[in-house]
Protein backbone atom coordinates (compact mmCIF):
# COMPACT_ATOMS: atom_id res chain seq x y z
CA UNK A 1 13.95 -4.78 -21.99
CA UNK A 2 14.54 -6.47 -18.65
CA UNK A 3 11.66 -7.56 -16.43
CA UNK A 4 11.23 -7.56 -12.67
CA UNK A 5 9.00 -9.33 -10.21
CA UNK A 6 8.12 -7.24 -7.15
CA UNK A 7 6.04 -7.96 -4.06
CA UNK A 8 2.97 -5.71 -3.95
CA UNK A 9 1.25 -5.71 -0.58
CA UNK A 10 -2.35 -4.61 0.05
CA UNK A 11 -3.24 -3.04 3.40
CA UNK A 12 -6.57 -2.28 5.10
CA UNK A 13 -5.82 1.44 5.61
CA UNK A 14 -2.35 1.02 7.14
CA UNK A 15 -0.19 1.28 4.01
CA UNK A 16 1.42 4.63 4.93
CA UNK A 17 2.44 3.36 8.37
CA UNK A 18 3.56 -0.05 7.08
CA UNK A 19 5.61 1.32 4.19
CA UNK A 20 7.25 3.89 6.50
CA UNK A 21 8.17 1.01 8.83
CA UNK A 22 9.67 -1.02 5.97
CA UNK A 23 11.57 2.09 4.84
CA UNK A 24 12.98 2.47 8.36
CA UNK A 25 14.02 -1.20 8.46
CA UNK A 26 15.24 -1.73 4.88
CA UNK A 27 16.47 1.78 4.07
CA UNK A 28 16.44 3.26 0.59
CA UNK A 29 13.95 5.64 -0.98
CA UNK A 30 10.20 5.61 -0.42
CA UNK A 31 7.79 7.35 -2.80
CA UNK A 32 4.05 7.40 -2.06
CA UNK A 33 0.93 8.93 -3.51
CA UNK A 34 -2.57 9.01 -2.11
CA UNK A 35 -5.92 8.60 -3.80
CA UNK A 36 -6.44 12.33 -3.16
CA UNK A 37 -3.17 13.21 -4.94
CA UNK A 38 -4.50 11.59 -8.09
CA UNK A 39 -8.08 12.83 -7.78
CA UNK A 40 -9.34 9.29 -7.40
CA UNK A 41 -11.56 7.69 -4.79
CA UNK A 42 -14.05 9.17 -2.39
CA UNK A 43 -13.25 12.12 -0.12
CA UNK A 44 -13.25 9.64 2.79
CA UNK A 45 -10.32 7.75 1.26
CA UNK A 46 -8.32 10.69 -0.10
CA UNK A 47 -5.66 10.11 2.61
CA UNK A 48 -5.23 6.42 1.74
CA UNK A 49 -2.18 5.27 -0.17
CA UNK A 50 -2.91 4.57 -3.83
CA UNK A 51 0.67 3.48 -4.52
CA UNK A 52 3.89 3.32 -2.51
CA UNK A 53 7.22 2.09 -3.79
CA UNK A 54 10.29 1.41 -1.69
CA UNK A 55 13.60 1.05 -3.54
CA UNK A 56 16.29 -0.27 -1.20
CA UNK A 57 19.99 0.38 -1.50
CA UNK A 58 20.39 -3.39 -1.98
CA UNK A 59 18.37 -3.15 -5.20
CA UNK A 60 15.07 -4.56 -3.89
CA UNK A 61 11.67 -3.09 -4.66
CA UNK A 62 8.68 -3.41 -2.33
CA UNK A 63 5.34 -1.91 -3.31
CA UNK A 64 2.12 -1.43 -1.39
CA UNK A 65 -1.22 0.30 -1.28
CA UNK A 66 -4.40 0.58 0.74
CA UNK A 67 -7.41 -1.41 -0.39
CA UNK A 68 -9.88 1.07 -1.92
CA UNK A 69 -13.35 1.34 -0.43
CA UNK A 70 -15.76 -1.06 -2.07
CA UNK A 71 -13.05 -3.33 -3.48
CA UNK A 72 -13.49 -6.81 -2.09
CA UNK A 73 -10.19 -8.46 -1.40
CA UNK A 74 -9.96 -11.93 0.01
CA UNK A 75 -6.85 -11.61 2.05
CA UNK A 76 -4.66 -14.56 2.79
CA UNK A 77 -1.39 -14.04 4.60
CA UNK A 78 0.90 -11.97 2.37
CA UNK A 79 4.42 -13.38 2.34
CA UNK A 80 7.82 -11.93 1.49
CA UNK A 81 11.12 -13.79 1.42
CA UNK A 82 14.53 -12.18 1.94
CA UNK A 83 17.56 -14.30 1.20
CA UNK A 84 21.22 -14.05 0.35
CA UNK A 85 24.70 -14.46 1.76
CA UNK A 86 25.07 -11.05 3.46
CA UNK A 87 24.45 -12.28 7.01
CA UNK A 88 25.08 -8.89 8.64
CA UNK A 89 22.51 -7.13 6.45
CA UNK A 90 19.91 -9.90 6.72
CA UNK A 91 20.28 -10.05 10.51
CA UNK A 92 19.86 -6.26 10.70
CA UNK A 93 16.67 -6.49 8.62
CA UNK A 94 15.46 -9.40 10.78
CA UNK A 95 15.95 -7.37 13.95
CA UNK A 96 14.07 -4.42 12.48
CA UNK A 97 11.19 -6.52 11.21
CA UNK A 98 10.99 -8.30 14.58
CA UNK A 99 9.90 -5.09 16.34
CA UNK A 100 6.26 -5.73 17.22
CA UNK A 101 6.24 -9.02 15.32
CA UNK A 102 5.19 -12.53 16.21
CA UNK A 103 8.24 -14.72 15.66
CA UNK A 104 7.16 -18.04 14.19
CA UNK A 105 10.68 -19.45 14.00
CA UNK A 106 13.79 -17.82 15.44
CA UNK A 107 16.58 -16.87 13.05
CA UNK A 108 18.85 -19.85 13.57
CA UNK A 109 20.60 -22.78 11.92
CA UNK A 110 18.13 -24.73 9.77
CA UNK A 111 18.24 -28.44 8.91
CA UNK A 112 19.25 -27.62 5.31
CA UNK A 113 22.37 -25.78 6.53
CA UNK A 114 21.29 -22.17 6.09
CA UNK A 115 20.25 -19.73 8.82
CA UNK A 116 16.48 -19.28 8.63
CA UNK A 117 13.77 -17.44 10.51
CA UNK A 118 10.12 -16.63 10.01
CA UNK A 119 7.90 -13.95 11.57
CA UNK A 120 4.61 -12.18 11.06
CA UNK A 121 5.21 -8.45 11.35
CA UNK A 122 2.96 -5.92 13.06
CA UNK A 123 1.06 -5.44 9.77
CA UNK A 124 0.24 -9.11 9.23
CA UNK A 125 2.92 -9.80 6.61
CA UNK A 126 4.83 -13.07 6.94
CA UNK A 127 8.57 -12.59 6.36
CA UNK A 128 10.97 -15.46 5.72
CA UNK A 129 14.65 -14.62 6.10
CA UNK A 130 17.25 -17.08 4.83
CA UNK A 131 21.01 -16.60 5.08
CA UNK A 132 22.65 -18.92 2.58
CA UNK A 133 25.30 -21.15 4.16
CA UNK A 134 28.85 -20.45 3.14
CA UNK A 135 30.22 -23.53 1.42
CA UNK A 136 33.04 -25.29 3.29
CA UNK A 137 35.84 -26.93 1.42
């Protein structure tokens, strides 16, 4: 059996909005369920996302959920990295993620030869986008 490693982001009540945004930017299929759908949690959190999973057409999986009431979660800055050699696709994703974001580093030529950019999106997630340089001969 093969294994996978997937980013799983925790949100303070904004998972539905955040995952819909990522679906809009990255495309693919988004499936979500709430605490209420599963009969879990308090009535006050029935609308919160218990689990959301985005499967992109590029074969990436991004998961997320809301933090349940009463669950302490020390939150650092969640980080996701997108990289590859499909510059057109990565630039399109960068532009989408940039909407409402704080750009830390513009998507541009990096000292190591790749094209690199870094931003914190409107949901507090840090995204690093790296377009691998095409080797020259």
